[in-house]
Amino acid sequence: MLTQVLQSVNDTSAVPAALQQFYRQRIGRTTVVQLMSRLASDLIINAFDTPWSPHDNKGTNWKSYLTFFWKPILQYVIFPLQFAYLYSYHPTGSMGDLPLELKKTWANKHKQDSEVAFQDIRDHGRNLDGPVGPSFFAKAVDEKEAPTQGGVQQPAAAV
């Protein structure tokens, strides 16, 4: 991780070398992730189809049968390996009470902000940024009915 690389730097003159080291570490991983993404996309588009099912008449071509037989391998082998690799650099270790603290902080902040906004609408019939303009549909009707001058439609009067 970038933070780990930069934590090892004790002098600002060493930052460019640390960033280059980080780049060299990540370029291979980024290439593999991009390759896996392109291969998965190509396989989904070109090789797979609605899986065959004995319960209906859908999925009766060779791609459907291929998808049906590959489904357990993809579901229990390929996808877990792919996601284990993709998320292998996520933060590790205990975060303690940080998630609960963040949840509580944001819940309180959003509750206060929403109460202020709702009270403002009750008091003034508008949002905090000023009067509410016409809806998209009302504005479209107004523009449709606006007079034209020389073949150019004139803007409707402001509400």
N, C-alpha and C. Protein backbone atom coordinates (compact mmCIF):
# COMPACT_ATOMS: atom_id res chain seq x y z
N MET A 1 0.83 -1.18 0.00
CA MET A 1 0.00 0.00 0.00
C MET A 1 0.88 1.24 0.00
N LEU A 2 0.34 2.28 -0.56
CA LEU A 2 1.07 3.54 -0.67
C LEU A 2 1.45 4.09 0.70
N THR A 3 0.53 4.00 1.65
CA THR A 3 0.83 4.53 2.98
C THR A 3 2.01 3.80 3.61
N GLN A 4 2.09 2.50 3.41
CA GLN A 4 3.20 1.74 3.97
C GLN A 4 4.52 2.15 3.34
N VAL A 5 4.52 2.37 2.02
CA VAL A 5 5.74 2.78 1.33
C VAL A 5 6.17 4.16 1.82
N LEU A 6 5.21 5.07 1.93
CA LEU A 6 5.56 6.43 2.35
C LEU A 6 5.93 6.52 3.83
N GLN A 7 5.42 5.63 4.65
CA GLN A 7 5.80 5.64 6.06
C GLN A 7 7.27 5.30 6.25
N SER A 8 7.83 4.56 5.31
CA SER A 8 9.24 4.20 5.43
C SER A 8 10.18 5.33 5.01
N VAL A 9 9.62 6.42 4.48
CA VAL A 9 10.44 7.56 4.03
C VAL A 9 10.72 8.48 5.22
N ASN A 10 11.99 8.79 5.41
CA ASN A 10 12.39 9.68 6.51
C ASN A 10 12.81 11.06 6.02
N ASP A 11 12.98 11.21 4.71
CA ASP A 11 13.46 12.46 4.14
C ASP A 11 12.66 12.75 2.88
N THR A 12 12.28 14.01 2.69
CA THR A 12 11.47 14.35 1.52
C THR A 12 12.18 14.08 0.20
N SER A 13 13.49 14.07 0.21
CA SER A 13 14.22 13.79 -1.03
C SER A 13 14.06 12.32 -1.44
N ALA A 14 13.63 11.47 -0.52
CA ALA A 14 13.44 10.05 -0.83
C ALA A 14 12.03 9.74 -1.34
N VAL A 15 11.14 10.74 -1.35
CA VAL A 15 9.75 10.50 -1.79
C VAL A 15 9.69 10.04 -3.24
N PRO A 16 10.39 10.68 -4.19
CA PRO A 16 10.30 10.19 -5.58
C PRO A 16 10.71 8.72 -5.73
N ALA A 17 11.75 8.31 -5.05
CA ALA A 17 12.18 6.91 -5.13
C ALA A 17 11.14 5.99 -4.51
N ALA A 18 10.51 6.42 -3.42
CA ALA A 18 9.48 5.61 -2.78
C ALA A 18 8.27 5.48 -3.70
N LEU A 19 7.89 6.57 -4.35
CA LEU A 19 6.76 6.50 -5.28
C LEU A 19 7.07 5.61 -6.47
N GLN A 20 8.31 5.64 -6.95
CA GLN A 20 8.71 4.75 -8.05
C GLN A 20 8.66 3.30 -7.61
N GLN A 21 9.07 3.03 -6.39
CA GLN A 21 9.00 1.67 -5.84
C GLN A 21 7.55 1.20 -5.77
N PHE A 22 6.67 2.08 -5.30
CA PHE A 22 5.25 1.75 -5.24
C PHE A 22 4.71 1.46 -6.63
N TYR A 23 5.09 2.29 -7.61
CA TYR A 23 4.66 2.10 -9.00
C TYR A 23 5.10 0.73 -9.50
N ARG A 24 6.36 0.37 -9.28
CA ARG A 24 6.86 -0.93 -9.76
C ARG A 24 6.12 -2.09 -9.10
N GLN A 25 5.77 -1.94 -7.81
CA GLN A 25 5.03 -3.00 -7.12
C GLN A 25 3.62 -3.15 -7.68
N ARG A 26 2.99 -2.05 -8.02
CA ARG A 26 1.59 -2.07 -8.42
C ARG A 26 1.36 -2.32 -9.90
N ILE A 27 2.32 -2.04 -10.77
CA ILE A 27 2.09 -2.14 -12.20
C ILE A 27 1.80 -3.59 -12.62
N GLY A 28 2.49 -4.54 -12.04
CA GLY A 28 2.22 -5.94 -12.37
C GLY A 28 0.83 -6.36 -11.93
N ARG A 29 0.48 -5.98 -10.72
CA ARG A 29 -0.84 -6.32 -10.21
C ARG A 29 -1.94 -5.66 -11.04
N THR A 30 -1.75 -4.42 -11.38
CA THR A 30 -2.73 -3.70 -12.19
C THR A 30 -2.89 -4.36 -13.55
N THR A 31 -1.80 -4.80 -14.14
CA THR A 31 -1.85 -5.48 -15.43
C THR A 31 -2.63 -6.78 -15.32
N VAL A 32 -2.40 -7.54 -14.28
CA VAL A 32 -3.11 -8.80 -14.10
C VAL A 32 -4.61 -8.55 -13.90
N VAL A 33 -4.96 -7.56 -13.08
CA VAL A 33 -6.37 -7.25 -12.84
C VAL A 33 -7.05 -6.82 -14.14
N GLN A 34 -6.39 -5.98 -14.93
CA GLN A 34 -6.95 -5.54 -16.21
C GLN A 34 -7.12 -6.73 -17.16
N LEU A 35 -6.13 -7.60 -17.22
CA LEU A 35 -6.21 -8.78 -18.09
C LEU A 35 -7.37 -9.68 -17.66
N MET A 36 -7.48 -9.94 -16.35
CA MET A 36 -8.58 -10.78 -15.86
C MET A 36 -9.93 -10.15 -16.19
N SER A 37 -10.04 -8.85 -16.07
CA SER A 37 -11.29 -8.17 -16.36
C SER A 37 -11.65 -8.31 -17.84
N ARG A 38 -10.68 -8.10 -18.72
CA ARG A 38 -10.94 -8.23 -20.16
C ARG A 38 -11.29 -9.67 -20.53
N LEU A 39 -10.57 -10.63 -19.97
CA LEU A 39 -10.88 -12.03 -20.27
C LEU A 39 -12.27 -12.40 -19.79
N ALA A 40 -12.62 -11.98 -18.59
CA ALA A 40 -13.94 -12.27 -18.05
C ALA A 40 -15.02 -11.65 -18.92
N SER A 41 -14.82 -10.42 -19.34
CA SER A 41 -15.79 -9.75 -20.19
C SER A 41 -15.93 -10.48 -21.53
N ASP A 42 -14.82 -10.82 -22.14
CA ASP A 42 -14.88 -11.54 -23.42
C ASP A 42 -15.55 -12.90 -23.27
N LEU A 43 -15.25 -13.61 -22.19
CA LEU A 43 -15.87 -14.91 -21.97
C LEU A 43 -17.38 -14.78 -21.79
N ILE A 44 -17.79 -13.80 -21.00
CA ILE A 44 -19.22 -13.62 -20.74
C ILE A 44 -19.95 -13.30 -22.04
N ILE A 45 -19.37 -12.44 -22.85
CA ILE A 45 -20.04 -12.01 -24.08
C ILE A 45 -19.99 -13.10 -25.15
N ASN A 46 -18.83 -13.75 -25.31
CA ASN A 46 -18.65 -14.65 -26.44
C ASN A 46 -18.86 -16.13 -26.15
N ALA A 47 -18.64 -16.57 -24.93
CA ALA A 47 -18.65 -18.01 -24.68
C ALA A 47 -19.82 -18.51 -23.85
N PHE A 48 -20.47 -17.62 -23.12
CA PHE A 48 -21.54 -18.09 -22.24
C PHE A 48 -22.90 -17.62 -22.71
N ASP A 49 -23.93 -18.31 -22.24
CA ASP A 49 -25.30 -18.01 -22.61
C ASP A 49 -26.18 -18.37 -21.43
N THR A 50 -27.50 -18.26 -21.59
CA THR A 50 -28.42 -18.69 -20.54
C THR A 50 -28.18 -20.16 -20.26
N PRO A 51 -27.89 -20.53 -19.02
CA PRO A 51 -27.60 -21.94 -18.74
C PRO A 51 -28.80 -22.84 -19.06
N TRP A 52 -28.48 -24.03 -19.53
CA TRP A 52 -29.52 -25.02 -19.80
C TRP A 52 -30.21 -25.36 -18.50
N SER A 53 -31.52 -25.60 -18.58
CA SER A 53 -32.29 -26.01 -17.42
C SER A 53 -33.30 -27.05 -17.87
N PRO A 54 -33.50 -28.09 -17.07
CA PRO A 54 -34.50 -29.09 -17.45
C PRO A 54 -35.93 -28.59 -17.25
N HIS A 55 -36.09 -27.41 -16.66
CA HIS A 55 -37.42 -26.90 -16.32
C HIS A 55 -38.06 -26.04 -17.41
N ASP A 56 -37.30 -25.66 -18.44
CA ASP A 56 -37.87 -24.85 -19.51
C ASP A 56 -37.13 -25.14 -20.81
N ASN A 57 -37.53 -24.48 -21.86
CA ASN A 57 -36.91 -24.70 -23.17
C ASN A 57 -35.84 -23.65 -23.48
N LYS A 58 -35.49 -22.85 -22.52
CA LYS A 58 -34.45 -21.84 -22.74
C LYS A 58 -33.08 -22.51 -22.63
N GLY A 59 -32.14 -21.94 -23.27
CA GLY A 59 -30.77 -22.43 -23.17
C GLY A 59 -30.60 -23.80 -23.80
N THR A 60 -30.80 -23.88 -25.10
CA THR A 60 -30.69 -25.19 -25.75
C THR A 60 -29.60 -25.22 -26.82
N ASN A 61 -28.69 -24.25 -26.81
CA ASN A 61 -27.58 -24.32 -27.77
C ASN A 61 -26.31 -24.76 -27.04
N TRP A 62 -25.24 -24.93 -27.78
CA TRP A 62 -24.01 -25.46 -27.19
C TRP A 62 -23.44 -24.53 -26.12
N LYS A 63 -23.62 -23.20 -26.27
CA LYS A 63 -23.13 -22.26 -25.25
C LYS A 63 -23.89 -22.43 -23.94
N SER A 64 -25.16 -22.75 -24.03
CA SER A 64 -25.97 -22.95 -22.83
C SER A 64 -25.51 -24.17 -22.05
N TYR A 65 -25.21 -25.24 -22.78
CA TYR A 65 -24.72 -26.45 -22.12
C TYR A 65 -23.34 -26.21 -21.51
N LEU A 66 -22.48 -25.47 -22.24
CA LEU A 66 -21.16 -25.13 -21.72
C LEU A 66 -21.30 -24.32 -20.43
N THR A 67 -22.19 -23.34 -20.43
CA THR A 67 -22.41 -22.52 -19.25
C THR A 67 -22.92 -23.36 -18.09
N PHE A 68 -23.83 -24.27 -18.37
CA PHE A 68 -24.38 -25.14 -17.34
C PHE A 68 -23.28 -25.97 -16.67
N PHE A 69 -22.39 -26.54 -17.46
CA PHE A 69 -21.35 -27.39 -16.90
C PHE A 69 -20.22 -26.60 -16.24
N TRP A 70 -19.96 -25.38 -16.69
CA TRP A 70 -18.92 -24.55 -16.11
C TRP A 70 -19.38 -23.82 -14.86
N LYS A 71 -20.69 -23.72 -14.66
CA LYS A 71 -21.23 -22.93 -13.56
C LYS A 71 -20.65 -23.31 -12.19
N PRO A 72 -20.61 -24.59 -11.81
CA PRO A 72 -20.03 -24.91 -10.49
C PRO A 72 -18.55 -24.59 -10.40
N ILE A 73 -17.81 -24.78 -11.49
CA ILE A 73 -16.37 -24.48 -11.46
C ILE A 73 -16.16 -22.98 -11.32
N LEU A 74 -16.95 -22.21 -12.07
CA LEU A 74 -16.83 -20.76 -11.96
C LEU A 74 -17.23 -20.28 -10.57
N GLN A 75 -18.34 -20.80 -10.07
CA GLN A 75 -18.88 -20.34 -8.80
C GLN A 75 -18.02 -20.72 -7.61
N TYR A 76 -17.45 -21.91 -7.61
CA TYR A 76 -16.73 -22.39 -6.42
C TYR A 76 -15.21 -22.38 -6.54
N VAL A 77 -14.68 -22.15 -7.75
CA VAL A 77 -13.23 -22.15 -7.91
C VAL A 77 -12.74 -20.82 -8.50
N ILE A 78 -13.18 -20.53 -9.71
CA ILE A 78 -12.64 -19.37 -10.43
C ILE A 78 -12.96 -18.05 -9.74
N PHE A 79 -14.25 -17.81 -9.45
CA PHE A 79 -14.63 -16.53 -8.84
C PHE A 79 -14.00 -16.33 -7.47
N PRO A 80 -14.01 -17.33 -6.57
CA PRO A 80 -13.33 -17.11 -5.28
C PRO A 80 -11.84 -16.79 -5.43
N LEU A 81 -11.17 -17.48 -6.36
CA LEU A 81 -9.75 -17.19 -6.58
C LEU A 81 -9.56 -15.78 -7.15
N GLN A 82 -10.42 -15.42 -8.08
CA GLN A 82 -10.33 -14.09 -8.69
C GLN A 82 -10.53 -13.00 -7.64
N PHE A 83 -11.56 -13.13 -6.82
CA PHE A 83 -11.83 -12.09 -5.83
C PHE A 83 -10.82 -12.11 -4.69
N ALA A 84 -10.29 -13.27 -4.36
CA ALA A 84 -9.23 -13.32 -3.35
C ALA A 84 -8.01 -12.52 -3.84
N TYR A 85 -7.71 -12.67 -5.12
CA TYR A 85 -6.59 -11.91 -5.67
C TYR A 85 -6.91 -10.42 -5.75
N LEU A 86 -8.10 -10.09 -6.23
CA LEU A 86 -8.47 -8.69 -6.39
C LEU A 86 -8.46 -7.94 -5.06
N TYR A 87 -8.91 -8.61 -4.00
CA TYR A 87 -9.03 -7.93 -2.71
C TYR A 87 -7.91 -8.31 -1.73
N SER A 88 -6.81 -8.82 -2.25
CA SER A 88 -5.72 -9.24 -1.38
C SER A 88 -4.98 -8.06 -0.76
N TYR A 89 -5.17 -6.86 -1.25
CA TYR A 89 -4.49 -5.70 -0.71
C TYR A 89 -5.39 -4.83 0.17
N HIS A 90 -6.52 -5.35 0.57
CA HIS A 90 -7.40 -4.55 1.42
C HIS A 90 -6.77 -4.41 2.80
N PRO A 91 -7.15 -3.40 3.56
CA PRO A 91 -6.58 -3.22 4.90
C PRO A 91 -6.85 -4.44 5.77
N THR A 92 -5.87 -4.81 6.52
CA THR A 92 -6.02 -5.97 7.40
C THR A 92 -5.90 -5.54 8.85
N GLY A 93 -6.27 -6.44 9.71
CA GLY A 93 -6.18 -6.15 11.14
C GLY A 93 -7.48 -5.59 11.68
N SER A 94 -7.54 -5.55 12.96
CA SER A 94 -8.75 -5.07 13.62
C SER A 94 -8.86 -3.55 13.50
N MET A 95 -10.07 -3.10 13.22
CA MET A 95 -10.31 -1.67 13.19
C MET A 95 -10.94 -1.21 14.50
N GLY A 96 -11.08 -2.13 15.45
CA GLY A 96 -11.63 -1.76 16.74
C GLY A 96 -13.05 -1.24 16.62
N ASP A 97 -13.31 -0.15 17.31
CA ASP A 97 -14.65 0.46 17.30
C ASP A 97 -14.82 1.51 16.20
N LEU A 98 -13.83 1.65 15.33
CA LEU A 98 -13.90 2.68 14.30
C LEU A 98 -15.17 2.59 13.44
N PRO A 99 -15.57 1.41 12.93
CA PRO A 99 -16.80 1.37 12.13
C PRO A 99 -18.03 1.84 12.89
N LEU A 100 -18.15 1.45 14.15
CA LEU A 100 -19.30 1.89 14.94
C LEU A 100 -19.27 3.38 15.21
N GLU A 101 -18.08 3.92 15.46
CA GLU A 101 -17.95 5.36 15.68
C GLU A 101 -18.31 6.14 14.42
N LEU A 102 -17.83 5.67 13.26
CA LEU A 102 -18.15 6.33 12.01
C LEU A 102 -19.65 6.28 11.73
N LYS A 103 -20.25 5.13 11.98
CA LYS A 103 -21.69 4.98 11.76
C LYS A 103 -22.46 5.98 12.63
N LYS A 104 -22.10 6.05 13.90
CA LYS A 104 -22.79 6.94 14.83
C LYS A 104 -22.59 8.41 14.43
N THR A 105 -21.36 8.79 14.10
CA THR A 105 -21.06 10.16 13.70
C THR A 105 -21.86 10.57 12.48
N TRP A 106 -21.84 9.71 11.43
CA TRP A 106 -22.55 10.05 10.20
C TRP A 106 -24.06 10.00 10.38
N ALA A 107 -24.55 9.07 11.16
CA ALA A 107 -26.00 9.01 11.40
C ALA A 107 -26.47 10.29 12.09
N ASN A 108 -25.73 10.74 13.10
CA ASN A 108 -26.10 11.98 13.80
C ASN A 108 -26.03 13.18 12.86
N LYS A 109 -24.95 13.28 12.08
CA LYS A 109 -24.78 14.42 11.17
C LYS A 109 -25.90 14.44 10.14
N HIS A 110 -26.21 13.30 9.53
CA HIS A 110 -27.24 13.28 8.50
C HIS A 110 -28.62 13.52 9.09
N LYS A 111 -28.85 13.07 10.31
CA LYS A 111 -30.14 13.32 10.96
C LYS A 111 -30.31 14.82 11.18
N GLN A 112 -29.27 15.47 11.70
CA GLN A 112 -29.35 16.92 11.93
C GLN A 112 -29.54 17.67 10.62
N ASP A 113 -28.75 17.33 9.59
CA ASP A 113 -28.86 18.01 8.30
C ASP A 113 -30.24 17.82 7.69
N SER A 114 -30.77 16.61 7.77
CA SER A 114 -32.08 16.36 7.17
C SER A 114 -33.18 17.08 7.95
N GLU A 115 -33.06 17.15 9.28
CA GLU A 115 -34.06 17.88 10.06
C GLU A 115 -34.07 19.36 9.69
N VAL A 116 -32.89 19.96 9.49
CA VAL A 116 -32.80 21.36 9.09
C VAL A 116 -33.45 21.54 7.72
N ALA A 117 -33.17 20.64 6.78
CA ALA A 117 -33.74 20.76 5.44
C ALA A 117 -35.25 20.60 5.46
N PHE A 118 -35.75 19.62 6.20
CA PHE A 118 -37.20 19.41 6.26
C PHE A 118 -37.90 20.59 6.96
N GLN A 119 -37.29 21.13 8.00
CA GLN A 119 -37.88 22.29 8.68
C GLN A 119 -37.92 23.49 7.75
N ASP A 120 -36.86 23.69 6.98
CA ASP A 120 -36.83 24.80 6.03
C ASP A 120 -37.93 24.64 4.99
N ILE A 121 -38.15 23.44 4.52
CA ILE A 121 -39.22 23.21 3.55
C ILE A 121 -40.58 23.47 4.19
N ARG A 122 -40.77 23.01 5.45
CA ARG A 122 -42.04 23.28 6.14
C ARG A 122 -42.26 24.78 6.32
N ASP A 123 -41.21 25.49 6.68
CA ASP A 123 -41.33 26.93 6.94
C ASP A 123 -41.46 27.76 5.67
N HIS A 124 -40.68 27.44 4.67
CA HIS A 124 -40.58 28.30 3.50
C HIS A 124 -41.09 27.65 2.21
N GLY A 125 -41.36 26.38 2.23
CA GLY A 125 -41.80 25.71 1.02
C GLY A 125 -40.74 25.65 -0.06
N ARG A 126 -39.49 25.62 0.34
CA ARG A 126 -38.39 25.60 -0.61
C ARG A 126 -37.21 24.85 0.01
N ASN A 127 -36.20 24.63 -0.82
CA ASN A 127 -35.00 24.00 -0.29
C ASN A 127 -34.05 25.08 0.22
N LEU A 128 -32.91 24.70 0.74
CA LEU A 128 -31.97 25.66 1.33
C LEU A 128 -31.33 26.59 0.31
N ASP A 129 -31.39 26.22 -0.99
CA ASP A 129 -30.72 27.02 -2.01
C ASP A 129 -31.63 28.07 -2.63
N GLY A 130 -32.85 28.20 -2.20
CA GLY A 130 -33.75 29.20 -2.76
C GLY A 130 -35.02 28.56 -3.26
N PRO A 131 -35.82 29.36 -3.95
CA PRO A 131 -37.10 28.84 -4.41
C PRO A 131 -36.93 27.71 -5.41
N VAL A 132 -37.87 26.79 -5.36
CA VAL A 132 -37.84 25.65 -6.26
C VAL A 132 -38.40 26.09 -7.60
N GLY A 133 -37.71 25.78 -8.68
CA GLY A 133 -38.19 26.10 -10.02
C GLY A 133 -39.21 25.08 -10.48
N PRO A 134 -39.71 25.26 -11.68
CA PRO A 134 -40.69 24.31 -12.19
C PRO A 134 -40.05 22.94 -12.41
N SER A 135 -40.89 21.93 -12.39
CA SER A 135 -40.38 20.59 -12.65
C SER A 135 -39.92 20.50 -14.09
N PHE A 136 -39.18 19.47 -14.38
CA PHE A 136 -38.70 19.25 -15.74
C PHE A 136 -39.86 19.21 -16.72
N PHE A 137 -40.93 18.51 -16.34
CA PHE A 137 -42.07 18.37 -17.25
C PHE A 137 -42.79 19.69 -17.46
N ALA A 138 -42.97 20.48 -16.37
CA ALA A 138 -43.61 21.78 -16.51
C ALA A 138 -42.76 22.71 -17.37
N LYS A 139 -41.46 22.65 -17.21
CA LYS A 139 -40.57 23.50 -17.99
C LYS A 139 -40.62 23.09 -19.47
N ALA A 140 -40.69 21.81 -19.75
CA ALA A 140 -40.77 21.33 -21.13
C ALA A 140 -42.06 21.81 -21.78
N VAL A 141 -43.17 21.79 -21.04
CA VAL A 141 -44.44 22.28 -21.57
C VAL A 141 -44.36 23.78 -21.83
N ASP A 142 -43.77 24.53 -20.89
CA ASP A 142 -43.62 25.97 -21.04
C ASP A 142 -42.79 26.29 -22.29
N GLU A 143 -41.70 25.56 -22.49
CA GLU A 143 -40.84 25.82 -23.65
C GLU A 143 -41.55 25.46 -24.95
N LYS A 144 -42.37 24.42 -24.90
CA LYS A 144 -43.11 24.00 -26.08
C LYS A 144 -44.13 25.07 -26.49
N GLU A 145 -44.71 25.73 -25.50
CA GLU A 145 -45.73 26.74 -25.75
C GLU A 145 -45.15 28.13 -25.94
N ALA A 146 -43.85 28.28 -25.73
CA ALA A 146 -43.22 29.60 -25.85
C ALA A 146 -43.28 30.06 -27.30
N PRO A 147 -43.51 31.36 -27.48
CA PRO A 147 -43.58 31.88 -28.85
C PRO A 147 -42.23 31.81 -29.55
N THR A 148 -42.29 31.66 -30.85
CA THR A 148 -41.05 31.64 -31.62
C THR A 148 -40.92 32.98 -32.33
N GLN A 149 -39.70 33.37 -32.54
CA GLN A 149 -39.44 34.64 -33.21
C GLN A 149 -38.40 34.38 -34.28
N GLY A 150 -38.80 34.50 -35.52
CA GLY A 150 -37.86 34.24 -36.61
C GLY A 150 -37.44 32.79 -36.66
N GLY A 151 -38.33 31.85 -36.24
CA GLY A 151 -38.00 30.43 -36.27
C GLY A 151 -37.19 29.96 -35.08
N VAL A 152 -36.81 30.89 -34.18
CA VAL A 152 -36.04 30.54 -32.99
C VAL A 152 -36.95 30.63 -31.80
N GLN A 153 -37.01 29.54 -31.03
CA GLN A 153 -37.88 29.51 -29.86
C GLN A 153 -37.31 30.41 -28.78
N GLN A 154 -38.16 31.26 -28.24
CA GLN A 154 -37.75 32.18 -27.18
C GLN A 154 -37.93 31.49 -25.83
N PRO A 155 -37.04 31.73 -24.89
CA PRO A 155 -37.19 31.10 -23.57
C PRO A 155 -38.45 31.58 -22.88
N ALA A 156 -39.07 30.68 -22.13
CA ALA A 156 -40.28 31.03 -21.38
C ALA A 156 -39.90 31.97 -20.24
N ALA A 157 -40.86 32.73 -19.80
CA ALA A 157 -40.61 33.67 -18.70
C ALA A 157 -40.26 32.90 -17.44
N ALA A 158 -39.38 33.47 -16.63
CA ALA A 158 -38.98 32.83 -15.38
C ALA A 158 -40.17 32.79 -14.43
N VAL A 159 -40.22 31.75 -13.64
CA VAL A 159 -41.31 31.58 -12.68
C VAL A 159 -40.99 32.32 -11.42
